[in-house]
Amino acid sequence: MEIELAEESPPSFGWLDWSLGLVIAATLFSMMWITFVDVVGRYLFNHPLQGAYEITELSLAVLVFGGLPLVTARREHVATPLFDNFLRGFGRHLKELAVDLTGIAACTVLAWRLWLQAGETAALRTNSQVLHVPMAPFVYFMAITSAIAALVLLLRFAKDLRSLFGSGTASP
């Protein structure tokens, strides 16, 4: 008995896809220009852009955590098909469910710990060293996007469970 999950297009979260995509694109574009200006200033004028490294560091956090929900929704994480040759049908679907459950746990714990860290960062009014940029908004952003990724995984897990064990989806 072979069980098939319906092939689906990546879920679209509309405004979330658009807004996070815009934030990521703008961040990447600004990183490109900051790096360009820093390199030109450093090598042509012997005057690097002050705080360029710091801005790049913060931008990288925005890129990675901003992309997390989008990559999660599209199942585009880096994956190794280590056991795929040994698992068929129902076993493969159970493995996918287990992977999603692990992801839900990991993203939930990450979001929780980042939220606590953001609170401490805000209470201590922690700033970056060179430009004195407040760090709390960045940590809150990381916590929120981790929570969104956990929610996306949870919705996908529930949908896959319904597809796998629901009525009319198993083929003999």
C-alpha atoms as a PDB file:
ATOM      1  CA  MET A   1       0.000   0.000   0.000  1.00  0.00           C
ATOM      2  CA  GLU A   2       1.574   3.247  -1.162  1.00  0.00           C
ATOM      3  CA  ILE A   3       0.426   6.478   0.463  1.00  0.00           C
ATOM      4  CA  GLU A   4       0.836   9.703  -1.467  1.00  0.00           C
ATOM      5  CA  LEU A   5       0.661  13.220  -0.185  1.00  0.00           C
ATOM      6  CA  ALA A   6      -0.838  15.634  -2.634  1.00  0.00           C
ATOM      7  CA  GLU A   7       1.827  17.612  -4.504  1.00  0.00           C
ATOM      8  CA  GLU A   8       1.474  21.183  -3.492  1.00  0.00           C
ATOM      9  CA  SER A   9       2.860  24.497  -4.508  1.00  0.00           C
ATOM     10  CA  PRO A  10       4.694  26.376  -1.771  1.00  0.00           C
ATOM     11  CA  PRO A  11       2.201  28.053   0.549  1.00  0.00           C
ATOM     12  CA  SER A  12       1.922  31.767   0.111  1.00  0.00           C
ATOM     13  CA  PHE A  13       1.551  34.023   3.083  1.00  0.00           C
ATOM     14  CA  GLY A  14       0.787  37.076   0.927  1.00  0.00           C
ATOM     15  CA  TRP A  15       1.744  40.207   2.825  1.00  0.00           C
ATOM     16  CA  LEU A  16       4.306  38.294   4.912  1.00  0.00           C
ATOM     17  CA  ASP A  17       6.083  36.992   1.813  1.00  0.00           C
ATOM     18  CA  TRP A  18       6.040  40.435   0.283  1.00  0.00           C
ATOM     19  CA  SER A  19       7.108  42.368   3.376  1.00  0.00           C
ATOM     20  CA  LEU A  20       9.882  39.985   4.466  1.00  0.00           C
ATOM     21  CA  GLY A  21      11.045  39.728   0.864  1.00  0.00           C
ATOM     22  CA  LEU A  22      11.214  43.515   0.642  1.00  0.00           C
ATOM     23  CA  VAL A  23      13.132  43.771   3.929  1.00  0.00           C
ATOM     24  CA  ILE A  24      15.594  41.116   2.773  1.00  0.00           C
ATOM     25  CA  ALA A  25      16.069  42.713  -0.648  1.00  0.00           C
ATOM     26  CA  ALA A  26      16.614  46.180   0.830  1.00  0.00           C
ATOM     27  CA  THR A  27      19.033  44.780   3.409  1.00  0.00           C
ATOM     28  CA  LEU A  28      21.034  42.905   0.799  1.00  0.00           C
ATOM     29  CA  PHE A  29      21.120  45.967  -1.463  1.00  0.00           C
ATOM     30  CA  SER A  30      22.323  48.179   1.390  1.00  0.00           C
ATOM     31  CA  MET A  31      24.980  45.627   2.355  1.00  0.00           C
ATOM     32  CA  MET A  32      26.237  45.682  -1.212  1.00  0.00           C
ATOM     33  CA  TRP A  33      26.554  49.478  -1.231  1.00  0.00           C
ATOM     34  CA  ILE A  34      28.077  49.680   2.228  1.00  0.00           C
ATOM     35  CA  THR A  35      30.700  47.118   1.225  1.00  0.00           C
ATOM     36  CA  PHE A  36      31.384  48.967  -2.041  1.00  0.00           C
ATOM     37  CA  VAL A  37      31.771  52.352  -0.316  1.00  0.00           C
ATOM     38  CA  ASP A  38      33.923  50.796   2.417  1.00  0.00           C
ATOM     39  CA  VAL A  39      36.267  49.091  -0.066  1.00  0.00           C
ATOM     40  CA  VAL A  40      36.582  52.201  -2.265  1.00  0.00           C
ATOM     41  CA  GLY A  41      37.166  54.390   0.769  1.00  0.00           C
ATOM     42  CA  ARG A  42      39.678  51.971   2.261  1.00  0.00           C
ATOM     43  CA  TYR A  43      41.806  51.330  -0.820  1.00  0.00           C
ATOM     44  CA  LEU A  44      41.490  54.542  -2.847  1.00  0.00           C
ATOM     45  CA  PHE A  45      41.261  57.176  -0.128  1.00  0.00           C
ATOM     46  CA  ASN A  46      42.788  55.335   2.823  1.00  0.00           C
ATOM     47  CA  HIS A  47      39.617  56.141   4.780  1.00  0.00           C
ATOM     48  CA  PRO A  48      37.267  53.187   5.392  1.00  0.00           C
ATOM     49  CA  LEU A  49      33.591  53.665   6.171  1.00  0.00           C
ATOM     50  CA  GLN A  50      33.290  53.880   9.945  1.00  0.00           C
ATOM     51  CA  GLY A  51      31.011  51.147  11.317  1.00  0.00           C
ATOM     52  CA  ALA A  52      30.780  49.222   8.038  1.00  0.00           C
ATOM     53  CA  TYR A  53      31.643  45.947   9.744  1.00  0.00           C
ATOM     54  CA  GLU A  54      29.028  46.580  12.432  1.00  0.00           C
ATOM     55  CA  ILE A  55      26.329  47.450   9.906  1.00  0.00           C
ATOM     56  CA  THR A  56      27.181  44.330   7.921  1.00  0.00           C
ATOM     57  CA  GLU A  57      26.942  42.196  11.065  1.00  0.00           C
ATOM     58  CA  LEU A  58      23.496  43.547  11.953  1.00  0.00           C
ATOM     59  CA  SER A  59      22.340  43.279   8.347  1.00  0.00           C
ATOM     60  CA  LEU A  60      23.386  39.658   8.238  1.00  0.00           C
ATOM     61  CA  ALA A  61      21.172  38.919  11.244  1.00  0.00           C
ATOM     62  CA  VAL A  62      18.249  40.553   9.421  1.00  0.00           C
ATOM     63  CA  LEU A  63      18.986  38.523   6.269  1.00  0.00           C
ATOM     64  CA  VAL A  64      19.249  35.166   8.005  1.00  0.00           C
ATOM     65  CA  PHE A  65      16.300  35.530  10.360  1.00  0.00           C
ATOM     66  CA  GLY A  66      14.148  37.412   7.843  1.00  0.00           C
ATOM     67  CA  GLY A  67      14.610  34.583   5.372  1.00  0.00           C
ATOM     68  CA  LEU A  68      13.901  31.828   7.892  1.00  0.00           C
ATOM     69  CA  PRO A  69      10.077  31.882   7.606  1.00  0.00           C
ATOM     70  CA  LEU A  70      10.240  32.151   3.813  1.00  0.00           C
ATOM     71  CA  VAL A  71      12.672  29.259   3.425  1.00  0.00           C
ATOM     72  CA  THR A  72      10.652  27.213   5.912  1.00  0.00           C
ATOM     73  CA  ALA A  73       7.367  27.829   4.073  1.00  0.00           C
ATOM     74  CA  ARG A  74       8.912  26.644   0.791  1.00  0.00           C
ATOM     75  CA  ARG A  75      10.767  23.664   2.294  1.00  0.00           C
ATOM     76  CA  GLU A  76      13.996  25.028   0.865  1.00  0.00           C
ATOM     77  CA  HIS A  77      16.238  24.269   3.833  1.00  0.00           C
ATOM     78  CA  VAL A  78      19.511  22.523   3.168  1.00  0.00           C
ATOM     79  CA  ALA A  79      18.788  18.822   3.567  1.00  0.00           C
ATOM     80  CA  THR A  80      20.621  15.565   3.095  1.00  0.00           C
ATOM     81  CA  PRO A  81      18.636  12.609   1.803  1.00  0.00           C
ATOM     82  CA  LEU A  82      20.517  10.294   4.167  1.00  0.00           C
ATOM     83  CA  PHE A  83      17.698   7.809   4.733  1.00  0.00           C
ATOM     84  CA  ASP A  84      15.576   8.484   1.652  1.00  0.00           C
ATOM     85  CA  ASN A  85      16.892   5.381  -0.150  1.00  0.00           C
ATOM     86  CA  PHE A  86      15.833   3.185   2.758  1.00  0.00           C
ATOM     87  CA  LEU A  87      12.418   4.698   3.375  1.00  0.00           C
ATOM     88  CA  ARG A  88       9.462   4.313   1.064  1.00  0.00           C
ATOM     89  CA  GLY A  89       5.849   5.442   1.182  1.00  0.00           C
ATOM     90  CA  PHE A  90       4.493   5.716   4.704  1.00  0.00           C
ATOM     91  CA  GLY A  91       7.965   5.559   6.316  1.00  0.00           C
ATOM     92  CA  ARG A  92       9.170   8.504   4.262  1.00  0.00           C
ATOM     93  CA  HIS A  93       6.104  10.531   5.216  1.00  0.00           C
ATOM     94  CA  LEU A  94       6.627   9.706   8.884  1.00  0.00           C
ATOM     95  CA  LYS A  95      10.231  10.894   8.547  1.00  0.00           C
ATOM     96  CA  GLU A  96       8.999  14.191   7.087  1.00  0.00           C
ATOM     97  CA  LEU A  97       6.587  14.602   9.985  1.00  0.00           C
ATOM     98  CA  ALA A  98       9.382  13.872  12.475  1.00  0.00           C
ATOM     99  CA  VAL A  99      11.636  16.426  10.776  1.00  0.00           C
ATOM    100  CA  ASP A 100       8.859  19.027  10.919  1.00  0.00           C
ATOM    101  CA  LEU A 101       8.208  18.267  14.586  1.00  0.00           C
ATOM    102  CA  THR A 102      11.909  18.697  15.350  1.00  0.00           C
ATOM    103  CA  GLY A 103      11.873  21.993  13.465  1.00  0.00           C
ATOM    104  CA  ILE A 104       8.825  23.173  15.422  1.00  0.00           C
ATOM    105  CA  ALA A 105      10.586  22.402  18.702  1.00  0.00           C
ATOM    106  CA  ALA A 106      13.853  24.041  17.614  1.00  0.00           C
ATOM    107  CA  CYS A 107      12.233  27.224  16.265  1.00  0.00           C
ATOM    108  CA  THR A 108       9.944  27.518  19.298  1.00  0.00           C
ATOM    109  CA  VAL A 109      12.816  27.211  21.769  1.00  0.00           C
ATOM    110  CA  LEU A 110      14.903  29.617  19.676  1.00  0.00           C
ATOM    111  CA  ALA A 111      12.066  32.169  19.579  1.00  0.00           C
ATOM    112  CA  TRP A 112      11.493  31.860  23.332  1.00  0.00           C
ATOM    113  CA  ARG A 113      15.171  32.257  24.234  1.00  0.00           C
ATOM    114  CA  LEU A 114      15.644  35.142  21.791  1.00  0.00           C
ATOM    115  CA  TRP A 115      12.578  36.894  23.235  1.00  0.00           C
ATOM    116  CA  LEU A 116      14.039  36.617  26.732  1.00  0.00           C
ATOM    117  CA  GLN A 117      17.400  37.842  25.448  1.00  0.00           C
ATOM    118  CA  ALA A 118      15.709  40.760  23.693  1.00  0.00           C
ATOM    119  CA  GLY A 119      14.049  41.755  26.951  1.00  0.00           C
ATOM    120  CA  GLU A 120      17.391  41.729  28.750  1.00  0.00           C
ATOM    121  CA  THR A 121      19.016  43.629  25.895  1.00  0.00           C
ATOM    122  CA  ALA A 122      16.283  46.276  26.042  1.00  0.00           C
ATOM    123  CA  ALA A 123      16.448  46.539  29.838  1.00  0.00           C
ATOM    124  CA  LEU A 124      20.212  46.986  29.730  1.00  0.00           C
ATOM    125  CA  ARG A 125      19.927  49.383  26.764  1.00  0.00           C
ATOM    126  CA  THR A 126      22.650  47.482  24.955  1.00  0.00           C
ATOM    127  CA  ASN A 127      24.054  49.295  21.927  1.00  0.00           C
ATOM    128  CA  SER A 128      26.559  48.375  19.267  1.00  0.00           C
ATOM    129  CA  GLN A 129      30.119  49.431  20.022  1.00  0.00           C
ATOM    130  CA  VAL A 130      30.962  51.801  17.181  1.00  0.00           C
ATOM    131  CA  LEU A 131      27.697  53.330  15.979  1.00  0.00           C
ATOM    132  CA  HIS A 132      25.762  52.882  19.245  1.00  0.00           C
ATOM    133  CA  VAL A 133      22.785  51.291  17.461  1.00  0.00           C
ATOM    134  CA  PRO A 134      20.267  49.813  19.948  1.00  0.00           C
ATOM    135  CA  MET A 135      20.470  46.012  19.745  1.00  0.00           C
ATOM    136  CA  ALA A 136      17.043  45.135  21.201  1.00  0.00           C
ATOM    137  CA  PRO A 137      15.041  45.727  17.986  1.00  0.00           C
ATOM    138  CA  PHE A 138      17.308  43.317  16.119  1.00  0.00           C
ATOM    139  CA  VAL A 139      16.950  40.619  18.771  1.00  0.00           C
ATOM    140  CA  TYR A 140      13.161  41.118  18.885  1.00  0.00           C
ATOM    141  CA  PHE A 141      13.090  40.782  15.085  1.00  0.00           C
ATOM    142  CA  MET A 142      15.041  37.527  15.351  1.00  0.00           C
ATOM    143  CA  ALA A 143      12.628  36.207  18.009  1.00  0.00           C
ATOM    144  CA  ILE A 144       9.525  37.152  16.014  1.00  0.00           C
ATOM    145  CA  THR A 145      10.752  35.631  12.755  1.00  0.00           C
ATOM    146  CA  SER A 146      11.756  32.441  14.599  1.00  0.00           C
ATOM    147  CA  ALA A 147       8.234  32.263  16.035  1.00  0.00           C
ATOM    148  CA  ILE A 148       6.758  32.807  12.571  1.00  0.00           C
ATOM    149  CA  ALA A 149       8.923  29.965  11.236  1.00  0.00           C
ATOM    150  CA  ALA A 150       7.665  27.717  14.061  1.00  0.00           C
ATOM    151  CA  LEU A 151       4.073  28.667  13.193  1.00  0.00           C
ATOM    152  CA  VAL A 152       4.675  27.927   9.500  1.00  0.00           C
ATOM    153  CA  LEU A 153       6.077  24.518  10.448  1.00  0.00           C
ATOM    154  CA  LEU A 154       3.129  23.851  12.736  1.00  0.00           C
ATOM    155  CA  LEU A 155       0.629  24.703   9.992  1.00  0.00           C
ATOM    156  CA  ARG A 156       2.504  22.510   7.519  1.00  0.00           C
ATOM    157  CA  PHE A 157       2.686  19.670  10.063  1.00  0.00           C
ATOM    158  CA  ALA A 158      -1.086  19.847  10.659  1.00  0.00           C
ATOM    159  CA  LYS A 159      -1.775  19.922   6.920  1.00  0.00           C
ATOM    160  CA  ASP A 160       0.515  16.934   6.301  1.00  0.00           C
ATOM    161  CA  LEU A 161      -1.128  15.008   9.148  1.00  0.00           C
ATOM    162  CA  ARG A 162      -4.558  15.665   7.647  1.00  0.00           C
ATOM    163  CA  SER A 163      -3.295  14.589   4.220  1.00  0.00           C
ATOM    164  CA  LEU A 164      -1.666  11.464   5.548  1.00  0.00           C
ATOM    165  CA  PHE A 165      -4.322  10.260   7.970  1.00  0.00           C
ATOM    166  CA  GLY A 166      -7.382  12.110   6.708  1.00  0.00           C
ATOM    167  CA  SER A 167     -10.117  10.612   4.603  1.00  0.00           C
ATOM    168  CA  GLY A 168      -9.676   9.997   0.907  1.00  0.00           C
ATOM    169  CA  THR A 169      -5.977  10.748   0.577  1.00  0.00           C
ATOM    170  CA  ALA A 170      -4.516   7.259   0.807  1.00  0.00           C
ATOM    171  CA  SER A 171      -4.316   5.317  -2.417  1.00  0.00           C
ATOM    172  CA  PRO A 172      -4.450   1.499  -2.336  1.00  0.00           C
END
